[in-house]
Every structure is written in structure tokens, then in C-alpha cells.
Protein backbone atom coordinates (compact mmCIF):
# COMPACT_ATOMS: atom_id res chain seq x y z
CA MET A 1 167.70 22.09 7.52
CA THR A 2 166.01 21.16 10.93
CA ASP A 3 167.42 23.46 13.70
CA LEU A 4 169.46 20.53 15.51
CA PRO A 5 169.41 20.28 19.20
CA ASP A 6 172.71 21.65 21.02
CA GLU A 7 173.90 18.46 21.80
CA LEU A 8 174.24 17.62 17.85
CA GLY A 9 174.30 21.16 16.69
CA ILE A 10 178.21 21.16 18.05
CA ASP A 11 179.08 17.97 15.84
CA GLU A 12 179.99 19.30 12.15
CA ILE A 13 179.69 15.83 10.70
CA ILE A 14 175.92 15.68 11.91
CA ARG A 15 175.59 19.09 10.85
CA SER A 16 176.71 18.05 7.43
CA LEU A 17 174.55 14.81 7.41
CA ALA A 18 171.44 17.08 8.42
CA SER A 19 171.86 19.21 5.49
CA GLY A 20 171.30 16.01 3.06
CA ALA A 21 175.00 16.75 1.71
CA PRO A 22 177.73 14.11 0.55
CA THR A 23 179.27 12.97 3.89
CA THR A 24 182.34 10.94 4.45
CA TRP A 25 183.68 10.04 8.04
CA LEU A 26 186.64 7.78 8.34
CA ARG A 27 187.83 6.51 11.29
CA SER A 28 191.29 6.43 12.63
CA THR A 29 193.31 3.18 12.20
CA ARG A 30 195.51 3.63 15.04
CA THR A 31 193.30 1.72 17.32
CA GLU A 32 191.59 -1.46 16.53
CA ALA A 33 188.62 -2.64 18.38
CA ALA A 34 188.17 -6.03 20.01
CA LEU A 35 185.77 -8.44 18.06
CA PRO A 36 182.72 -8.93 20.25
CA ASP A 37 182.31 -12.27 21.58
CA LEU A 38 179.57 -14.19 19.67
CA GLY A 39 180.85 -17.65 20.10
CA ASP A 40 181.00 -19.73 17.17
CA VAL A 41 177.73 -18.15 15.15
CA MET A 42 179.99 -17.78 11.94
CA ASP A 43 181.60 -21.35 12.08
CA SER A 44 177.80 -23.15 12.85
CA ALA A 45 176.16 -20.95 10.21
CA ALA A 46 178.90 -22.23 7.33
CA ALA A 47 178.30 -25.88 8.83
CA ARG A 48 174.38 -25.24 8.33
CA PHE A 49 174.81 -24.25 4.69
CA ASP A 50 176.84 -27.07 4.02
CA ARG A 51 174.39 -29.77 5.71
CA PHE A 52 171.83 -28.31 3.33
CA ALA A 53 173.90 -28.14 0.31
CA PRO A 54 172.19 -30.90 -1.12
CA TRP A 55 168.68 -30.09 -0.66
CA PHE A 56 169.61 -26.68 -2.46
CA ALA A 57 170.78 -28.74 -5.44
CA GLU A 58 167.77 -31.16 -5.51
CA THR A 59 164.91 -28.09 -4.61
CA PHE A 60 166.63 -25.16 -6.78
CA PRO A 61 168.28 -27.05 -10.13
CA GLU A 62 170.05 -23.45 -10.80
CA THR A 63 172.42 -24.56 -7.76
CA ALA A 64 172.76 -28.06 -8.82
CA THR A 65 176.33 -27.17 -10.13
CA VAL A 66 178.86 -24.83 -9.21
CA PRO A 67 178.95 -21.94 -11.80
CA ALA A 68 182.48 -21.89 -13.63
CA GLU A 69 183.47 -18.40 -11.76
CA LEU A 70 183.14 -19.94 -8.59
CA ALA A 71 184.59 -23.54 -9.43
CA SER A 72 188.18 -22.66 -8.70
CA ALA A 73 187.69 -21.56 -5.01
CA PHE A 74 185.11 -24.38 -4.59
CA PRO A 75 186.60 -27.20 -5.63
CA ASP A 76 185.42 -29.59 -3.24
CA THR A 77 182.03 -28.37 -3.78
CA SER A 78 179.23 -30.63 -6.03
CA GLY A 79 176.51 -28.00 -5.96
CA GLY A 80 174.14 -26.75 -3.47
CA LEU A 81 176.14 -23.62 -2.97
CA ILE A 82 174.57 -20.23 -2.04
CA GLU A 83 177.33 -17.80 -3.30
CA SER A 84 178.59 -14.92 -6.06
CA ALA A 85 181.35 -14.23 -7.77
CA LEU A 86 184.41 -12.27 -7.05
CA VAL A 87 185.18 -10.25 -10.00
CA PRO A 88 187.64 -7.37 -10.68
CA ALA A 89 186.50 -4.47 -12.37
CA PRO A 90 188.95 -2.35 -14.47
CA ALA A 91 186.85 -0.72 -16.96
CA ALA A 92 184.70 0.63 -14.01
CA GLN A 93 187.80 1.74 -12.18
CA HIS A 94 189.43 3.57 -15.33
CA ARG A 95 185.90 5.41 -15.98
CA LEU A 96 185.50 6.53 -12.46
CA ASP A 97 189.34 7.74 -12.29
CA GLY A 98 188.32 9.94 -15.64
CA LEU A 99 184.85 11.26 -14.11
CA PHE A 100 186.50 12.13 -10.93
CA GLY A 101 190.01 13.28 -12.25
CA SER A 102 192.00 10.88 -9.83
CA GLU A 103 193.53 8.07 -10.06
CA LEU A 104 192.52 5.30 -7.50
CA GLY A 105 195.40 3.30 -5.89
CA GLY A 106 194.72 -0.14 -5.69
CA GLN A 107 192.40 -2.41 -7.69
CA LEU A 108 188.68 -2.26 -7.76
CA TRP A 109 186.62 -5.26 -7.34
CA LEU A 110 183.10 -6.06 -7.20
CA LYS A 111 181.26 -8.84 -5.04
CA ARG A 112 178.48 -10.02 -6.96
CA ASP A 113 175.79 -10.51 -4.42
CA ASP A 114 173.16 -8.73 -6.96
CA SER A 115 173.47 -12.54 -8.53
CA LEU A 116 173.32 -14.73 -5.64
CA PRO A 117 171.18 -17.73 -6.32
CA VAL A 118 167.19 -18.04 -5.63
CA SER A 119 166.85 -14.41 -4.29
CA GLY A 120 169.45 -12.32 -5.70
CA SER A 121 170.48 -10.18 -2.94
CA ILE A 122 173.08 -9.95 -0.15
CA LYS A 123 169.93 -10.92 2.30
CA ALA A 124 169.91 -14.27 0.59
CA ARG A 125 172.60 -15.85 3.03
CA GLY A 126 170.96 -14.23 6.28
CA GLY A 127 167.73 -14.90 5.60
CA PHE A 128 168.16 -18.10 4.32
CA HIS A 129 170.04 -19.28 7.21
CA GLU A 130 167.48 -18.46 9.78
CA VAL A 131 164.57 -20.10 7.76
CA LEU A 132 167.18 -23.29 7.74
CA GLU A 133 168.01 -22.54 11.84
CA PHE A 134 164.12 -22.74 12.20
CA ALA A 135 163.25 -25.56 10.20
CA GLU A 136 165.76 -27.60 12.35
CA ALA A 137 164.19 -26.76 15.20
CA VAL A 138 161.20 -27.57 14.29
CA ALA A 139 162.46 -31.12 12.92
CA GLU A 140 164.24 -31.61 15.98
CA ALA A 141 161.25 -30.95 18.23
CA VAL A 142 159.26 -33.69 16.49
CA ALA A 143 161.99 -36.16 15.30
CA ALA A 144 161.25 -39.06 17.89
CA GLU A 145 157.59 -38.82 16.81
CA HIS A 146 158.07 -39.01 13.48
CA GLY A 147 161.27 -40.68 12.91
CA LEU A 148 163.22 -37.43 11.15
CA ASP A 149 166.76 -37.01 11.45
CA ALA A 150 166.99 -33.18 11.83
CA LEU A 151 170.72 -33.50 10.43
CA ASP A 152 169.60 -35.17 7.39
CA PRO A 153 168.89 -32.62 4.18
CA ALA A 154 166.64 -35.45 3.03
CA ALA A 155 164.41 -34.95 5.96
CA TYR A 156 163.30 -31.87 4.53
CA SER A 157 161.82 -32.95 1.43
CA ILE A 158 159.50 -35.99 2.47
CA ARG A 159 156.04 -35.69 3.04
CA GLU A 160 156.27 -35.81 6.99
CA PHE A 161 158.04 -32.76 7.29
CA ARG A 162 156.10 -30.57 4.89
CA GLU A 163 153.06 -31.50 6.99
CA ILE A 164 154.65 -30.54 9.94
CA ALA A 165 156.02 -27.45 8.34
CA ALA A 166 152.50 -26.40 6.87
CA ASN A 167 151.43 -25.89 10.97
CA HIS A 168 154.24 -23.23 11.47
CA ARG A 169 154.16 -19.62 9.91
CA ILE A 170 157.33 -17.56 9.76
CA VAL A 171 156.77 -14.11 9.60
CA VAL A 172 159.23 -10.89 8.76
CA GLY A 173 158.89 -7.40 7.80
CA SER A 174 160.79 -6.12 5.03
CA THR A 175 161.64 -3.41 2.26
CA GLY A 176 161.74 -6.38 -0.30
CA ASN A 177 165.02 -8.31 -0.70
CA LEU A 178 164.76 -9.64 3.03
CA GLY A 179 161.38 -10.68 2.00
CA LEU A 180 162.04 -12.23 -1.03
CA SER A 181 164.79 -14.53 0.27
CA ILE A 182 162.57 -15.53 3.89
CA GLY A 183 159.25 -15.99 1.75
CA ILE A 184 161.01 -17.97 -1.02
CA LEU A 185 162.71 -20.41 1.12
CA SER A 186 159.90 -20.83 3.43
CA ALA A 187 157.23 -21.62 0.95
CA ARG A 188 159.86 -24.14 -0.54
CA LEU A 189 160.34 -25.98 2.67
CA GLY A 190 156.43 -26.10 2.90
CA PHE A 191 156.13 -23.42 5.71
CA ALA A 192 153.18 -20.71 5.63
CA ALA A 193 155.22 -17.35 5.13
CA SER A 194 153.87 -14.12 5.73
CA VAL A 195 155.86 -10.75 4.49
CA HIS A 196 154.92 -7.36 5.68
CA MET A 197 156.04 -4.72 3.36
CA SER A 198 156.87 -1.09 3.65
CA ALA A 199 155.52 1.37 1.16
CA ASP A 200 158.75 1.82 -0.58
CA ALA A 201 158.92 -2.11 -1.46
CA ARG A 202 158.57 -2.82 -5.49
CA GLU A 203 155.60 -3.99 -6.84
CA TRP A 204 157.42 -6.87 -8.66
CA LYS A 205 158.64 -7.99 -5.23
CA LYS A 206 155.54 -8.39 -3.76
CA THR A 207 154.05 -10.27 -7.03
CA MET A 208 156.94 -12.70 -6.76
CA LEU A 209 156.03 -13.63 -3.26
CA ARG A 210 152.48 -14.07 -3.93
CA ASP A 211 153.43 -16.11 -6.87
CA HIS A 212 155.58 -18.16 -4.31
CA GLY A 213 152.53 -18.88 -2.28
CA VAL A 214 153.31 -15.82 0.49
CA ASP A 215 150.96 -14.22 2.08
CA VAL A 216 151.93 -10.14 1.59
CA ILE A 217 151.10 -7.59 3.76
CA GLU A 218 151.12 -4.04 2.45
CA HIS A 219 151.67 -0.88 4.72
CA ALA A 220 151.39 2.62 4.13
CA GLY A 221 154.22 3.54 6.25
CA ASP A 222 157.94 2.90 6.13
CA PHE A 223 160.01 -0.10 6.99
CA VAL A 224 160.03 0.21 10.95
CA GLU A 225 156.17 0.24 10.82
CA ALA A 226 156.03 -2.99 8.71
CA VAL A 227 158.66 -4.39 10.98
CA GLU A 228 156.40 -3.70 13.98
CA ALA A 229 153.35 -4.83 12.48
CA GLY A 230 155.22 -8.44 11.68
CA ARG A 231 156.49 -8.41 15.30
CA ALA A 232 152.89 -7.97 16.60
CA SER A 233 151.35 -10.55 14.46
CA ALA A 234 153.88 -13.46 15.36
CA GLU A 235 153.18 -12.65 19.01
CA ALA A 236 149.47 -13.10 18.81
CA ALA A 237 149.93 -16.59 17.07
CA GLU A 238 150.75 -19.73 17.46
CA ASN A 239 153.46 -21.68 15.96
CA THR A 240 155.03 -18.42 14.75
CA HIS A 241 158.26 -17.20 14.30
CA PHE A 242 159.11 -13.77 13.60
CA VAL A 243 162.41 -12.79 11.86
CA ASP A 244 163.63 -9.33 13.52
CA ASP A 245 165.81 -7.56 11.11
CA GLU A 246 166.27 -5.10 14.03
CA ASP A 247 167.90 -7.92 16.34
CA SER A 248 168.38 -11.34 14.83
CA VAL A 249 171.57 -13.09 15.79
CA SER A 250 170.52 -15.82 13.24
CA LEU A 251 170.41 -13.40 10.20
CA PHE A 252 173.88 -11.69 11.28
CA ALA A 253 175.19 -14.86 11.34
CA GLY A 254 174.18 -16.12 7.96
CA TYR A 255 175.67 -12.99 6.68
CA SER A 256 178.84 -13.42 8.40
CA VAL A 257 179.53 -16.66 6.27
CA ALA A 258 180.27 -14.40 3.03
CA ALA A 259 183.85 -13.81 4.84
CA LEU A 260 184.41 -17.35 4.64
CA ARG A 261 183.75 -17.61 1.21
CA LEU A 262 185.25 -14.35 0.03
CA GLU A 263 188.82 -15.96 1.81
CA ARG A 264 188.95 -18.60 -0.67
CA GLN A 265 188.11 -16.48 -3.56
CA PHE A 266 190.90 -14.13 -3.14
CA ALA A 267 192.82 -16.68 -2.32
CA ALA A 268 191.77 -18.71 -5.78
CA ALA A 269 192.71 -15.66 -7.56
CA GLY A 270 196.07 -15.23 -6.45
CA VAL A 271 195.24 -12.02 -4.16
CA SER A 272 197.07 -11.64 -0.97
CA ILE A 273 195.28 -9.58 1.69
CA ASP A 274 197.38 -8.52 4.66
CA GLU A 275 198.54 -5.08 6.45
CA GLN A 276 200.66 -4.75 3.24
CA ASN A 277 197.83 -5.12 0.82
CA PRO A 278 194.49 -4.03 2.60
CA LEU A 279 191.24 -4.54 1.64
CA THR A 280 188.83 -2.01 2.05
CA VAL A 281 185.12 -3.08 1.60
CA TYR A 282 182.40 -0.54 1.02
CA LEU A 283 178.96 -2.11 1.86
CA PRO A 284 175.65 -0.70 0.96
CA CYS A 285 173.77 -0.24 4.40
CA GLY A 286 170.11 -0.02 5.34
CA ILE A 287 169.10 -1.04 8.83
CA GLY A 288 172.62 -2.46 9.16
CA GLY A 289 172.12 -6.46 9.78
CA GLY A 290 173.53 -7.46 6.37
CA PRO A 291 176.88 -5.30 6.42
CA GLY A 292 177.07 -5.71 10.24
CA GLY A 293 177.63 -9.36 9.75
CA VAL A 294 179.73 -9.48 6.55
CA THR A 295 182.05 -7.14 8.76
CA PHE A 296 182.02 -9.53 11.86
CA GLY A 297 182.88 -11.92 9.55
CA LEU A 298 185.74 -9.90 7.75
CA LYS A 299 187.22 -8.89 10.88
CA ARG A 300 187.16 -13.02 11.75
CA VAL A 301 188.91 -13.77 8.86
CA PHE A 302 191.37 -10.69 7.84
CA GLY A 303 191.72 -8.98 11.25
CA ALA A 304 193.56 -5.58 11.08
CA ALA A 305 194.32 -6.22 7.08
CA VAL A 306 190.57 -5.24 6.42
CA ARG A 307 188.59 -1.86 6.79
CA CYS A 308 184.72 -2.02 6.43
CA VAL A 309 182.90 1.15 5.21
CA PHE A 310 179.15 1.68 5.56
CA VAL A 311 177.27 3.52 2.93
CA GLU A 312 173.87 4.72 2.81
CA PRO A 313 171.71 7.15 0.99
CA SER A 314 171.98 10.83 2.15
CA GLN A 315 168.69 11.17 2.87
CA ALA A 316 168.58 7.93 4.94
CA PRO A 317 171.74 7.44 6.84
CA ALA A 318 170.24 5.71 9.87
CA MET A 319 173.44 3.73 10.91
CA PHE A 320 175.72 6.75 10.29
CA LEU A 321 173.50 8.63 12.35
CA GLY A 322 173.20 6.24 15.22
CA VAL A 323 176.70 5.27 15.45
CA ARG A 324 178.32 9.01 15.24
CA THR A 325 175.74 9.96 17.89
CA GLY A 326 175.92 6.75 20.18
CA GLN A 327 172.21 6.83 20.44
CA HIS A 328 172.14 3.89 17.99
CA SER A 329 168.21 2.74 17.42
CA GLY A 330 167.13 5.80 19.83
CA ILE A 331 167.66 8.36 17.10
CA SER A 332 166.13 8.45 13.42
CA VAL A 333 167.08 10.55 10.20
CA GLN A 334 163.73 12.84 10.71
CA ASP A 335 164.96 13.63 14.05
CA ILE A 336 167.47 15.81 12.14
CA GLY A 337 165.06 16.73 9.37
CA LEU A 338 165.86 13.98 6.86
CA SER A 339 163.05 12.38 4.97
CA GLY A 340 164.32 8.89 4.91
CA ALA A 341 162.99 8.55 1.24
CA THR A 342 165.37 7.15 -1.43
CA ALA A 343 165.56 5.48 -4.85
CA ALA A 344 167.53 2.81 -3.30
CA ASP A 345 164.58 1.51 -1.80
CA GLY A 346 166.36 -1.47 -0.17
CA LEU A 347 168.36 1.24 2.24
CA ALA A 348 165.21 3.14 2.77
CA VAL A 349 165.62 2.58 6.60
CA ALA A 350 165.08 5.87 9.03
CA ARG A 351 166.00 3.92 12.19
CA PRO A 352 169.08 1.61 12.65
CA SER A 353 169.55 -2.00 13.92
CA ARG A 354 169.16 -1.76 17.85
CA PHE A 355 171.68 -4.73 17.73
CA ILE A 356 174.35 -3.71 15.34
CA GLY A 357 175.05 -0.46 16.07
CA PRO A 358 176.15 -1.11 19.54
CA THR A 359 177.92 -4.80 18.80
CA ILE A 360 179.45 -4.15 15.55
CA GLY A 361 179.82 -0.16 15.72
CA PRO A 362 183.29 -0.15 16.93
CA LEU A 363 184.32 -2.41 14.01
CA ILE A 364 183.31 0.10 11.17
CA SER A 365 186.04 2.00 9.74
CA GLY A 366 183.91 4.92 8.00
CA PHE A 367 180.46 5.98 6.99
CA ALA A 368 179.43 7.66 3.88
CA ALA A 369 176.28 9.09 2.88
CA VAL A 370 175.60 9.74 -0.61
CA PRO A 371 172.80 11.41 -2.95
CA ASP A 372 170.25 9.35 -4.86
CA GLU A 373 171.67 11.26 -8.04
CA VAL A 374 174.91 9.30 -7.37
CA ILE A 375 173.55 6.00 -6.60
CA ARG A 376 171.36 6.16 -9.83
CA ALA A 377 174.47 7.13 -11.50
CA GLY A 378 176.62 4.05 -10.60
CA VAL A 379 174.10 1.80 -12.37
CA GLY A 380 175.07 3.25 -15.83
CA VAL A 381 178.54 3.35 -15.07
CA LEU A 382 178.25 -0.39 -14.08
CA HIS A 383 176.36 -0.73 -17.21
CA GLU A 384 178.55 0.70 -19.62
CA THR A 385 181.89 -0.42 -18.31
CA GLU A 386 181.28 -3.87 -17.06
CA GLY A 387 177.91 -5.04 -18.81
CA ILE A 388 176.21 -5.42 -15.08
CA ASP A 389 172.80 -4.17 -14.74
CA VAL A 390 171.74 -3.88 -10.99
CA GLU A 391 169.05 -2.03 -8.80
CA PRO A 392 170.06 1.29 -7.32
CA SER A 393 170.93 -0.16 -3.97
CA ALA A 394 173.86 -2.01 -5.03
CA THR A 395 175.76 0.87 -6.42
CA ALA A 396 175.78 3.05 -3.18
CA GLY A 397 179.42 1.96 -2.33
CA LEU A 398 180.72 2.37 -5.92
CA THR A 399 182.27 6.12 -5.84
CA ILE A 400 183.32 6.13 -2.15
CA PRO A 401 187.14 5.45 -2.90
CA TRP A 402 187.26 8.34 -4.86
CA ARG A 403 185.37 10.00 -2.24
CA LYS A 404 187.70 9.89 0.54
CA GLY A 405 190.22 12.52 -0.13
CA GLU A 406 193.73 12.24 -0.23
CA THR A 407 193.13 8.30 1.47
CA ALA A 408 192.20 7.33 -2.12
CA ALA A 409 195.34 7.28 -3.45
CA GLN A 410 197.77 6.98 -0.93
CA SER A 411 198.96 3.43 -2.01
CA SER A 412 199.47 1.62 -5.38
CA THR A 413 198.67 -1.72 -3.77
CA GLY A 414 195.58 -2.99 -1.73
CA VAL A 415 192.19 -4.08 -2.84
CA HIS A 416 188.65 -1.74 -3.11
CA LEU A 417 185.79 -4.21 -2.76
CA VAL A 418 182.28 -2.79 -3.59
CA TRP A 419 179.67 -5.21 -2.43
CA LEU A 420 176.90 -5.43 -4.69
CA THR A 421 173.13 -6.11 -3.38
CA GLY A 422 170.47 -6.79 -5.53
CA GLY A 423 169.43 -6.88 -9.25
CA ALA A 424 169.08 -10.55 -10.95
CA MET A 425 165.61 -10.53 -9.95
CA VAL A 426 164.61 -7.15 -11.23
CA PRO A 427 162.21 -7.76 -14.35
CA GLY A 428 163.66 -6.89 -17.46
CA ASP A 429 161.84 -3.47 -18.03
CA GLU A 430 162.53 -2.33 -14.66
CA ARG A 431 166.12 -2.97 -15.17
CA ALA A 432 166.27 -1.52 -18.26
CA ALA A 433 164.52 1.85 -17.14
CA TYR A 434 167.25 2.04 -14.02
CA VAL A 435 170.01 1.66 -16.74
CA ASP A 436 168.28 4.43 -19.08
CA GLU A 437 168.08 6.79 -15.96
CA GLY A 438 171.76 6.13 -14.61
CA LEU A 439 173.22 6.35 -18.22
CA GLY A 440 171.99 9.73 -18.20
CA LEU A 441 173.40 10.75 -15.09
CA VAL A 442 176.84 9.09 -15.45
CA GLU A 443 178.42 12.44 -16.11
CA ARG A 444 177.21 14.05 -12.87
CA ILE A 445 178.51 11.36 -10.51
CA SER A 446 181.40 12.99 -9.33
CA SER A 447 179.62 16.26 -8.36
CA PRO A 448 179.06 17.30 -5.68
CA ALA A 449 182.06 16.47 -3.95
CA SER A 450 181.77 14.98 -0.20
CA ALA A 451 182.65 16.57 2.91
CA ILE A 452 185.28 14.40 4.29
CA PHE A 453 186.00 14.15 7.94
CA VAL A 454 188.74 12.09 9.43
CA ASP A 455 189.25 11.40 13.23
């Protein structure tokens, strides 16, 4: 462990993080932070997705009908729905009870964003929303000249719009999954698209983007370098929109829509969420935009009945560190001697969002940092118990309900929801390798125990 500055070294939570040990910090439930005033961003984003539903249904045949597992929650939707299933996970819960030697109070559920349509990760809602918002802005700017109605989804399939879109470029920096959502949708709308990829991005994600006609620019450095390179290229070009994963309200708004959908899904499943039956959500966190937007939405929908815990790899606990120190994007994990490297490539972020920490930090009920071995083992647990195959990033939060000490079994009611992130798009051979590795680590998933801090 590196020598910490005096102001950090006196904090035992920071010392635990700096050692690379599993660390869980839970905040007191005695006070509830007020929601930030962001206007109607969530409702506006939800309306935009509704407007574009016919376009999605026409453009992506896999969305043309609502899957059976979603039909009861969305009976009024005919197609074009970008949403994932909510499923109970009793077999995984039983297995983890045995591995940890303690019985979890309440029920374990999974939010299957690993199988979201089109790009297969939590990044889909945010990435799609920003691209759609930009498309509407372009259409509105030239509506009078070209006879376009920016609010008519049919406008985005005609030749006139695609000719206009071809003269505009969308740029983003990504570790992979946000790049897929931005790149795939931009290309389908006719925009030119460039994705700046960090060194830890998977090769198959680069190949998939190129197959969709997206320009992929590879960088030897980390996520921050990729973002900065993307920003610089966009600033120097005309008709170019930069998707800023460090500071985008549009991404944030898109992510938040998940909460409105989740409310309907729990209701359809007959599950009540209230202060007597609380919901705790475990969200994998990289730069923080996805879990930040979801948290905002969940707090708007469920209020004090929901608690959100952000989970990061123990070598890349960027948001955890930023919020705990109050320095947010002013501090990186390297500053406390950590590498920022992780097998959970979608979470390989050393410095957190400059927007999410200051805006959403007070709403986050807890943070956890877990070793790569635990994250990889989670892939094996989900495979052997629920028949679900995901990439490692998706399982970051899987063990945290059991790593909360005495708080894990205080109640026989309530819901523990683990938010899965990516997996459906992973090529079969890589998915099999993840599973094989995970199965070999299952028995070690409960070791070592977390250092638990509650204040």
C-alpha cells in the first residue's frame, strides 16, 4: 500500500480501500438527502423512448414484439421496447446462503440488463437516449427546409434525414459497452460515428463496431485518455456531437428511465415496495453515469423505500473514493496506490464522473469494493444456479447482500436487487471462457470477508 497523505491516512475506510481489501461502507438511514433539481429529465427521456418505439420496432426486428417475460408489465406496448426482464433468483440465493454460511433476509432478484435489446448492457438506455435526442435536434434544425417532422418517428427512416445525418458525426470515449450503444444506434440513423476505445476494451467489441460501419480509434491508455481524445477530436470538427460520459445529463436521463419501468415490473410481479418492504439495489459502477442515473430515478419513484449501493472492483473504486473523500473527479485510484486494472473491463475507471458524485453522491446509501476473484466467481454462480451467462462486470454486486454484516439478515422482508450489466453480446467462446473460469472460483467467492463500516 502506498503512503497516504495525512488527510486521507486518518480515514480507516480509505486505508482499507488503499490496501485493495474488500471494503463495504454503509451510510446511516437516519437522514434522507433531497433529490437534486434536474427538472423533468426523466419524464422527458421516457417520452422520447415512447416516440421512437415504432422506429425501433421497424429498424431492429428483435424489438418488434414485446417478449413474454415483459408482456405483463407492459400490456399497452406493441413493440420497440428497450427494456430487460426482472427475475427472481432463488437458486442463486440458496447457493450463496450456503457459500457464505448465512441466510439472506428477503428475496434476491436480478435486473437482466445483460440482455437489453440491440446492445446488451445497462449502457443502452443512456447511450440510445443521447443519440435520439441529438437526432431530434438535427431534424428540428432543418425541418422547415426539408419538410421533416422531428416528432414523427417515420422521419428518421427516410432518405432526406439520412442524407442530413451523414454530414454529422457522433463521438464518444468508451471502455466498450457505451461505445456499442452509441455506435450501433448512430450508424443505424445514418450518422457518422467514432468511438475512442481504451486499452482494456475487448477486441470483439471493436470488431462489432467496425462491422456496423463505426470508426474505432484505439488508445494505449485508460478510459480517461480515450474520453479526452474523443473530446479533443470533437472540439476540432464541425457538425460533431461529443457524448461526454463524464458530464452528460442526456445519458443520465436515459438511464433514469429504468426506474419507471422497474416500478411497473415489480407491480406486475405482485411485489410491494414500501418502507415495510424495502428495496436495496446493488449497481456495478465504473465512471458512475449508469448507476447514478438509475439511482436518481429509483429515488424519484420509491423515495425512502429504496437504498442504492454502488459496487466497484477493489483496484478501481473510483466513485467510492471520490465520494468518501469529497474530492470526486479531483482524485484517482492511482493517488492511493491502486492500479485501476480489473477483469471487469466495463468498470475499469480510475477517476469518477465530475457530474455524478457531486449531484447524486448524497443519494447513494453505500459503496462496496470487491476483488476480481469474487467478481469472476459470480459468473460461475449465475451459470450453475440460474443458467445465466454474463460478462464479469455484471456480477460485481452479486455477493454484497451477504457482505453487509448483521444488516444482511435483519429482516425477513424486502427485496435485494442485483443489477446485471452486460453479457448477451459476448461471443460464445469468450462467454464459455468466463464461465469456465468462474466455475473454478465458486467455492472461493466468500473469501476474503469484507471490512464493513457503517456510519
